[in-house]
C-alpha atoms as a PDB file:
ATOM      1  CA  MET A   1       1.067 -45.444 -26.535  1.00  0.00           C
ATOM      2  CA  SER A   2      -2.631 -44.756 -26.023  1.00  0.00           C
ATOM      3  CA  ASN A   3      -5.145 -43.658 -28.655  1.00  0.00           C
ATOM      4  CA  SER A   4      -5.151 -40.069 -27.383  1.00  0.00           C
ATOM      5  CA  SER A   5      -1.622 -39.192 -28.481  1.00  0.00           C
ATOM      6  CA  THR A   6       0.888 -40.387 -31.051  1.00  0.00           C
ATOM      7  CA  GLN A   7       4.480 -39.410 -31.685  1.00  0.00           C
ATOM      8  CA  GLY A   8       4.687 -36.874 -34.521  1.00  0.00           C
ATOM      9  CA  ALA A   9       7.405 -36.452 -37.147  1.00  0.00           C
ATOM     10  CA  GLY A  10       8.791 -33.352 -35.407  1.00  0.00           C
ATOM     11  CA  GLY A  11       9.379 -35.162 -32.135  1.00  0.00           C
ATOM     12  CA  GLY A  12       6.298 -33.606 -30.469  1.00  0.00           C
ATOM     13  CA  GLN A  13       3.068 -35.317 -29.646  1.00  0.00           C
ATOM     14  CA  GLU A  14       0.036 -34.979 -31.898  1.00  0.00           C
ATOM     15  CA  HIS A  15      -3.280 -35.128 -30.053  1.00  0.00           C
ATOM     16  CA  ASN A  16      -6.219 -36.945 -31.568  1.00  0.00           C
ATOM     17  CA  ASN A  17      -8.746 -35.682 -29.066  1.00  0.00           C
ATOM     18  CA  SER A  18     -10.113 -32.176 -29.721  1.00  0.00           C
ATOM     19  CA  PHE A  19      -9.887 -31.017 -26.087  1.00  0.00           C
ATOM     20  CA  ALA A  20      -6.137 -31.628 -25.940  1.00  0.00           C
ATOM     21  CA  SER A  21      -5.601 -29.999 -29.312  1.00  0.00           C
ATOM     22  CA  ARG A  22      -7.594 -26.862 -28.303  1.00  0.00           C
ATOM     23  CA  ARG A  23      -5.690 -26.733 -25.005  1.00  0.00           C
ATOM     24  CA  ASP A  24      -2.348 -26.897 -26.835  1.00  0.00           C
ATOM     25  CA  THR A  25      -3.488 -24.173 -29.222  1.00  0.00           C
ATOM     26  CA  ARG A  26      -4.367 -21.902 -26.279  1.00  0.00           C
ATOM     27  CA  ILE A  27      -1.077 -22.650 -24.532  1.00  0.00           C
ATOM     28  CA  ASN A  28       1.017 -22.028 -27.643  1.00  0.00           C
ATOM     29  CA  ASN A  29      -0.938 -18.958 -28.826  1.00  0.00           C
ATOM     30  CA  ASN A  30       0.377 -15.790 -27.148  1.00  0.00           C
ATOM     31  CA  THR A  31      -2.443 -13.552 -28.398  1.00  0.00           C
ATOM     32  CA  GLY A  32      -4.291 -12.162 -25.418  1.00  0.00           C
ATOM     33  CA  SER A  33      -2.167 -13.976 -22.886  1.00  0.00           C
ATOM     34  CA  LEU A  34      -0.588 -12.274 -19.913  1.00  0.00           C
ATOM     35  CA  PRO A  35       3.165 -11.632 -20.082  1.00  0.00           C
ATOM     36  CA  VAL A  36       5.478 -13.848 -18.110  1.00  0.00           C
ATOM     37  CA  VAL A  37       6.003 -12.346 -14.650  1.00  0.00           C
ATOM     38  CA  GLY A  38       9.135 -10.211 -14.646  1.00  0.00           C
ATOM     39  CA  ALA A  39       9.629 -10.485 -18.426  1.00  0.00           C
ATOM     40  CA  ALA A  40       8.432  -7.005 -19.384  1.00  0.00           C
ATOM     41  CA  ARG A  41       9.877  -4.972 -16.573  1.00  0.00           C
ATOM     42  CA  GLY A  42      10.214  -1.323 -17.534  1.00  0.00           C
ATOM     43  CA  VAL A  43      12.549  -0.407 -14.699  1.00  0.00           C
ATOM     44  CA  SER A  44      16.128  -1.515 -14.561  1.00  0.00           C
ATOM     45  CA  GLY A  45      17.677  -2.233 -11.200  1.00  0.00           C
ATOM     46  CA  PRO A  46      16.108  -2.878  -7.820  1.00  0.00           C
ATOM     47  CA  PHE A  47      12.776  -1.348  -6.835  1.00  0.00           C
ATOM     48  CA  ASP A  48      13.162   1.589  -4.445  1.00  0.00           C
ATOM     49  CA  PHE A  49      10.562   0.732  -1.816  1.00  0.00           C
ATOM     50  CA  GLU A  50      11.645   3.564   0.509  1.00  0.00           C
ATOM     51  CA  ALA A  51      11.119   6.162  -2.239  1.00  0.00           C
ATOM     52  CA  MET A  52       7.631   4.797  -2.896  1.00  0.00           C
ATOM     53  CA  ILE A  53       6.724   5.034   0.814  1.00  0.00           C
ATOM     54  CA  ALA A  54       8.070   8.603   0.995  1.00  0.00           C
ATOM     55  CA  SER A  55       6.079   9.551  -2.121  1.00  0.00           C
ATOM     56  CA  LEU A  56       2.870   8.083  -0.677  1.00  0.00           C
ATOM     57  CA  ARG A  57       3.402   9.935   2.613  1.00  0.00           C
ATOM     58  CA  GLU A  58       3.778  13.217   0.722  1.00  0.00           C
ATOM     59  CA  LEU A  59       0.650  12.479  -1.324  1.00  0.00           C
ATOM     60  CA  PHE A  60      -1.446  11.677   1.756  1.00  0.00           C
ATOM     61  CA  GLU A  61      -0.073  14.672   3.660  1.00  0.00           C
ATOM     62  CA  ARG A  62      -1.094  16.955   0.769  1.00  0.00           C
ATOM     63  CA  ASP A  63      -4.487  15.236   0.641  1.00  0.00           C
ATOM     64  CA  ARG A  64      -5.080  15.842   4.359  1.00  0.00           C
ATOM     65  CA  GLN A  65      -4.089  19.517   4.028  1.00  0.00           C
ATOM     66  CA  ILE A  66      -6.517  20.068   1.160  1.00  0.00           C
ATOM     67  CA  ALA A  67      -9.261  18.054   2.901  1.00  0.00           C
ATOM     68  CA  SER A  68      -9.105  20.427   5.863  1.00  0.00           C
ATOM     69  CA  GLN A  69     -10.022  23.390   3.630  1.00  0.00           C
ATOM     70  CA  PRO A  70     -13.732  24.366   3.607  1.00  0.00           C
ATOM     71  CA  ASP A  71     -14.015  24.554  -0.200  1.00  0.00           C
ATOM     72  CA  SER A  72     -12.652  21.112  -1.055  1.00  0.00           C
ATOM     73  CA  THR A  73     -14.086  17.715  -1.850  1.00  0.00           C
ATOM     74  CA  ARG A  74     -12.985  14.335  -3.175  1.00  0.00           C
ATOM     75  CA  CYS A  75     -12.637  13.258  -6.767  1.00  0.00           C
ATOM     76  CA  GLY A  76     -15.225  10.505  -7.308  1.00  0.00           C
ATOM     77  CA  ILE A  77     -12.664   8.342  -9.124  1.00  0.00           C
ATOM     78  CA  CYS A  78      -9.282   8.599  -7.320  1.00  0.00           C
ATOM     79  CA  TYR A  79     -10.795   9.777  -3.979  1.00  0.00           C
ATOM     80  CA  LEU A  80      -8.104  12.408  -3.422  1.00  0.00           C
ATOM     81  CA  HIS A  81      -9.214  15.823  -2.165  1.00  0.00           C
ATOM     82  CA  PHE A  82      -9.028  18.891  -4.396  1.00  0.00           C
ATOM     83  CA  PRO A  83     -10.210  22.488  -4.134  1.00  0.00           C
ATOM     84  CA  LEU A  84     -13.632  22.809  -5.800  1.00  0.00           C
ATOM     85  CA  SER A  85     -12.077  25.133  -8.385  1.00  0.00           C
ATOM     86  CA  GLU A  86      -9.958  22.208  -9.658  1.00  0.00           C
ATOM     87  CA  LEU A  87     -12.872  19.765  -9.982  1.00  0.00           C
ATOM     88  CA  ASN A  88     -15.652  19.379 -12.530  1.00  0.00           C
ATOM     89  CA  TYR A  89     -19.042  18.027 -11.526  1.00  0.00           C
ATOM     90  CA  ARG A  90     -20.527  15.473 -13.907  1.00  0.00           C
ATOM     91  CA  GLU A  91     -24.250  16.090 -13.626  1.00  0.00           C
ATOM     92  CA  LYS A  92     -25.331  12.952 -15.438  1.00  0.00           C
ATOM     93  CA  GLU A  93     -23.257  10.582 -13.267  1.00  0.00           C
ATOM     94  CA  GLY A  94     -23.387  12.725 -10.124  1.00  0.00           C
ATOM     95  CA  PHE A  95     -19.773  13.032  -9.039  1.00  0.00           C
ATOM     96  CA  TYR A  96     -16.820  15.402  -9.020  1.00  0.00           C
ATOM     97  CA  ILE A  97     -13.800  14.527 -11.134  1.00  0.00           C
ATOM     98  CA  CYS A  98     -10.240  15.892 -11.123  1.00  0.00           C
ATOM     99  CA  SER A  99      -8.474  16.850 -14.363  1.00  0.00           C
ATOM    100  CA  SER A 100      -6.183  13.814 -14.280  1.00  0.00           C
ATOM    101  CA  CYS A 101      -9.050  11.321 -13.928  1.00  0.00           C
ATOM    102  CA  GLU A 102     -11.115  13.255 -16.467  1.00  0.00           C
ATOM    103  CA  ARG A 103      -8.261  13.007 -18.973  1.00  0.00           C
ATOM    104  CA  GLN A 104      -8.074   9.241 -18.399  1.00  0.00           C
ATOM    105  CA  LEU A 105     -11.829   8.692 -18.477  1.00  0.00           C
ATOM    106  CA  GLY A 106     -12.497  10.962 -21.451  1.00  0.00           C
ATOM    107  CA  LYS A 107     -16.113  10.929 -22.622  1.00  0.00           C
ATOM    108  CA  GLN A 108     -16.751   7.480 -21.153  1.00  0.00           C
ATOM    109  CA  GLN A 109     -19.597   7.496 -18.645  1.00  0.00           C
ATOM    110  CA  MET A 110     -19.031   6.067 -15.191  1.00  0.00           C
ATOM    111  CA  PRO A 111     -22.234   5.173 -13.352  1.00  0.00           C
ATOM    112  CA  MET A 112     -21.955   5.565  -9.579  1.00  0.00           C
ATOM    113  CA  LEU A 113     -23.880   3.696  -6.938  1.00  0.00           C
ATOM    114  CA  ARG A 114     -24.154   6.840  -4.870  1.00  0.00           C
ATOM    115  CA  ARG A 115     -24.179  10.421  -6.138  1.00  0.00           C
ATOM    116  CA  GLN A 116     -21.910  13.037  -4.581  1.00  0.00           C
ATOM    117  CA  GLN A 117     -23.744  16.068  -3.310  1.00  0.00           C
ATOM    118  CA  LYS A 118     -22.938  19.094  -5.461  1.00  0.00           C
ATOM    119  CA  LYS A 119     -21.516  21.990  -3.461  1.00  0.00           C
END
């Protein structure tokens, strides 16, 4: 065997070079690593693609209906249209936000490249 690895007592290889040892530590340490694809699936059974498409069609149809109203505008985060009465305008950042996005964003500030005009 070469100088870079020797057979250990547990049957594994012990690495003398620090790069290999750090690499093995990263590979064997699960902290901060992404889960294995498909391992943490929250849904049992096959994915219902048709239901997702139908749901998106309904969402976009509702969005188009609201967008056609004179007193509506987009949320600056999710870009869906809402009546102005359902949106809050964040003066400091310069955009409208819906209640769902506001709940998710909380007090965190979100700088925008372009301000929405306040209506």
